[in-house]
Amino acid sequence: MAEYTSPSFDELFAGGVQPERMTAIIIKSGAGVVTRGTVLGRVSQLPESDLYAGTPVVVPVDSTKTDGSQTPYCILADSVVDATTGDARAAAYLDGEFNRDALKFGGTDKVAQHEVAMRNIGLITKRVVK
């Protein structure tokens, strides 16, 4: 008989009062390998001529940029997405309560730089006591 193991704790979440809303996204080619919990900024969207028109095109948030990626839009839900050499489809959270220590950003950004902007769009950061 196999030994019972409990599922590991998901360090990304810090709430659970209501279910998180999710959306499909495209991580822009050249963003590299992006991991779960990365805060993403919207740089464009797929054109009306595309089958998936309106899908946001995102990259990791970086406050030194001026292409839209300086502003938080969503948080990556997938474990690992490789957008090194081509655009990659993924899933992301549009709102919810998240462990501030589990969030990742582009460049040298830290969570404190983006907490107000994240709060304004429903991405709530919280401290988690272990």
Protein backbone atom coordinates (compact mmCIF):
# COMPACT_ATOMS: atom_id res chain seq x y z
CA MET A 1 0.00 0.00 0.00
CA ALA A 2 1.29 3.44 -0.93
CA GLU A 3 2.21 5.83 1.85
CA TYR A 4 -0.16 8.76 2.33
CA THR A 5 1.28 12.19 1.78
CA SER A 6 -0.63 15.41 2.14
CA PRO A 7 -0.55 17.95 -0.66
CA SER A 8 2.04 20.66 -0.21
CA PHE A 9 0.93 24.09 0.95
CA ASP A 10 0.56 26.60 -1.89
CA GLU A 11 2.70 29.51 -0.69
CA LEU A 12 1.29 31.87 -3.33
CA PHE A 13 -2.12 32.37 -1.72
CA ALA A 14 -2.87 34.30 1.46
CA GLY A 15 -6.62 34.32 1.71
CA GLY A 16 -9.22 32.18 0.09
CA VAL A 17 -12.25 34.26 1.04
CA GLN A 18 -13.44 34.15 -2.57
CA PRO A 19 -12.20 32.30 -5.64
CA GLU A 20 -9.63 34.09 -7.77
CA ARG A 21 -10.62 35.18 -11.28
CA MET A 22 -8.38 33.91 -14.03
CA THR A 23 -7.69 34.79 -17.65
CA ALA A 24 -5.71 33.52 -20.61
CA ILE A 25 -2.57 35.50 -21.42
CA ILE A 26 0.33 35.49 -23.87
CA ILE A 27 3.80 35.92 -22.40
CA LYS A 28 5.82 37.87 -24.95
CA SER A 29 8.74 36.27 -26.70
CA GLY A 30 12.03 37.21 -25.07
CA ALA A 31 10.61 37.28 -21.54
CA GLY A 32 12.60 34.12 -20.75
CA VAL A 33 11.50 31.43 -18.33
CA VAL A 34 8.74 32.85 -16.14
CA THR A 35 7.57 31.06 -12.97
CA ARG A 36 4.39 30.92 -10.89
CA GLY A 37 3.82 34.02 -8.79
CA THR A 38 5.47 36.43 -11.22
CA VAL A 39 3.61 39.74 -11.42
CA LEU A 40 3.06 40.61 -15.07
CA GLY A 41 2.45 43.89 -16.87
CA ARG A 42 0.40 44.27 -20.07
CA VAL A 43 2.39 45.56 -23.07
CA SER A 44 -0.26 44.98 -25.76
CA GLN A 45 -3.10 42.68 -26.79
CA LEU A 46 -3.83 40.43 -29.72
CA PRO A 47 -5.43 42.34 -32.62
CA GLU A 48 -9.05 41.98 -33.73
CA SER A 49 -7.88 39.95 -36.75
CA ASP A 50 -6.57 37.21 -34.40
CA LEU A 51 -8.73 34.25 -33.41
CA TYR A 52 -8.07 35.14 -29.75
CA ALA A 53 -8.54 38.90 -30.16
CA GLY A 54 -8.07 40.96 -27.02
CA THR A 55 -5.88 38.44 -25.21
CA PRO A 56 -3.35 40.46 -23.21
CA VAL A 57 0.34 40.17 -24.11
CA VAL A 58 2.42 40.44 -20.92
CA VAL A 59 5.95 40.46 -19.51
CA PRO A 60 7.27 40.55 -15.93
CA VAL A 61 6.63 43.91 -14.24
CA ASP A 62 9.67 46.18 -14.29
CA SER A 63 9.40 49.75 -13.00
CA THR A 64 12.26 50.92 -15.24
CA LYS A 65 10.23 50.26 -18.41
CA THR A 66 7.73 52.54 -20.15
CA ASP A 67 5.97 50.05 -22.42
CA GLY A 68 3.14 49.18 -20.02
CA SER A 69 5.13 46.54 -18.18
CA GLN A 70 5.85 49.00 -15.37
CA THR A 71 2.24 48.56 -14.18
CA PRO A 72 0.92 45.29 -12.66
CA TYR A 73 -1.86 43.57 -14.63
CA CYS A 74 -1.97 39.95 -13.38
CA ILE A 75 -0.03 37.17 -11.62
CA LEU A 76 1.16 34.03 -13.44
CA ALA A 77 -0.75 30.92 -12.35
CA ASP A 78 1.19 28.31 -14.33
CA SER A 79 4.23 26.65 -12.72
CA VAL A 80 6.77 27.42 -15.45
CA VAL A 81 6.38 29.09 -18.85
CA ASP A 82 9.24 29.34 -21.34
CA ALA A 83 8.90 32.43 -23.51
CA THR A 84 12.58 32.63 -24.37
CA THR A 85 12.29 32.22 -28.13
CA GLY A 86 8.57 32.55 -28.80
CA ASP A 87 5.30 33.80 -27.40
CA ALA A 88 3.81 31.40 -24.84
CA ARG A 89 0.19 30.92 -23.81
CA ALA A 90 -0.49 30.75 -20.09
CA ALA A 91 -3.07 31.36 -17.36
CA ALA A 92 -3.01 34.19 -14.84
CA TYR A 93 -4.87 35.50 -11.80
CA LEU A 94 -6.66 38.84 -12.20
CA ASP A 95 -7.47 39.26 -8.52
CA GLY A 96 -7.16 37.56 -5.15
CA GLU A 97 -5.16 37.60 -1.94
CA PHE A 98 -1.50 36.70 -2.32
CA ASN A 99 1.49 36.07 -0.07
CA ARG A 100 3.69 39.12 -0.64
CA ASP A 101 6.84 37.04 -0.03
CA ALA A 102 5.94 34.61 -2.85
CA LEU A 103 5.60 37.27 -5.55
CA LYS A 104 8.30 37.81 -8.18
CA PHE A 105 9.05 40.79 -10.40
CA GLY A 106 11.25 41.75 -13.32
CA GLY A 107 14.44 43.78 -12.99
CA THR A 108 15.27 44.59 -9.38
CA ASP A 109 11.69 45.47 -8.39
CA LYS A 110 10.31 44.47 -5.00
CA VAL A 111 6.72 44.02 -3.83
CA ALA A 112 6.66 47.30 -1.87
CA GLN A 113 7.08 49.28 -5.11
CA HIS A 114 3.89 47.82 -6.58
CA GLU A 115 1.54 47.12 -3.64
CA VAL A 116 -0.66 50.20 -4.15
CA ALA A 117 -1.03 49.61 -7.91
CA MET A 118 -1.79 45.94 -7.26
CA ARG A 119 -4.37 46.84 -4.60
CA ASN A 120 -6.07 49.18 -7.09
CA ILE A 121 -6.76 46.28 -9.47
CA GLY A 122 -7.74 43.70 -6.84
CA LEU A 123 -4.41 41.91 -6.36
CA ILE A 124 -4.17 42.08 -2.57
CA THR A 125 -0.84 41.39 -0.87
CA LYS A 126 -0.66 40.01 2.67
CA ARG A 127 1.99 38.87 5.07
CA VAL A 128 1.76 35.17 5.87
CA VAL A 129 2.86 33.96 9.29
CA LYS A 130 4.34 30.48 9.17
